[in-house]
Amino acid sequence: MPTILGQNQYGKAENRVVRITRDGATHHIKDLNVSVALSGDMDEVHYSGSNANVLPTDTTKNTVYAFAKEHGIDSAEQFGIHLARHFVTSQRPIHRARIRIEEHAWERIETSDANSKSIGADEVKHSFVRKGQETRVTQITYDGESWEVISGLKDLVVMNSTNSEFRGYVKDEYTTLQEAYDRILATQVSGRWRFNWTDDEQRMPNWEKSYEQTRKHMLQAFAETYSLSLQQTLYQMGSRIINHRGEIDEVRFSLPNKHHFLVDLEPFGLKNDNEVYFAADRPYGLIEATILRDGCEQKIPVDLTNL
């Protein structure tokens, strides 16, 4: 039975591009997930395998990153318009381009009034928290006599677009990672903290205020720490909580390092001056640790999965 080709399209889906715009000390972030779908005179590639009219999907990916550098990203809509116009007008066989963009929103972290030891709270204009992502969690255990309350959050994505390094590490014959003197530091925070309220005779914490303040101190520590390692940042986050919240004795964090790699734009004659990054989702470094008030016993499970 004869067959004919119906509607068809092709392209590169889910190109993660993060564009950092530096306005002096103030930084702005556009974090997009861009999918490109092209259609037109593509019958022959399906019937005979001829690629004469085919722009490689790898080229569409490269175009996304190059346009992020050349045109910037004022808005997802305007960026998509630039891309669609380019593909249709520059390639005769392409009659239609569909650009789908998801934008991950970030808001600036409000830092404390007091200066931090390393960079000064009033100078922090490069730290952001993803909007609307976190889930608040709690686990209450009661045996008829005593209480154990472990609260926390998960899926809170945070980023520093500068003031982070990673260098001076061990190198062997399998090491290829280049030392970084100015890198993006991003992680998806999963944290739990244990309250020292265990008895009905004790004054119960104000749970809502405690969560709000604990989250605030955690984020301020992330923003105000000049980071030489994610481990150092983790410790500062936990220490800030314990030092400011007397009702909490123990904090445990699990922090995946959400790597951002500079895109090589030299093949296109463009210089990437710490502006255009590929946001990799895996594999990732996973940093975990517990921070305790001095003299207290560790009780939060090492594996947070079931909390």
Foldseek 3Di string as FASTA:
>chain_A
DDDADDDDKDAAFFFWKWFWDDPDLAIDIWTKGKTKIWDFPPRCCVVPVDCPQPDDNVVLSLVLLVCCVVVNDPDPVVSQVVSFVCVPVVRPRTPGMDMDMDIFDKDAQQADPAFDPPDTNVSQNFKIKTPPFKDKDWDWDDDPFWIKIKIWIWQTKMKGLWLEWEDPDDDDPPDDDDTGPTHMWMWTKTKMWIFPGIGPVDDDDPVVVLHVVLVSQLRNLLRNDSYHDVQVSVQSSFVSSVVVDVRTFKMKIKIWGFHWAFDDCVVVVDDCPSTMTGGDDDDTDIDIDMDGDPPDDDDPDRDPVVD
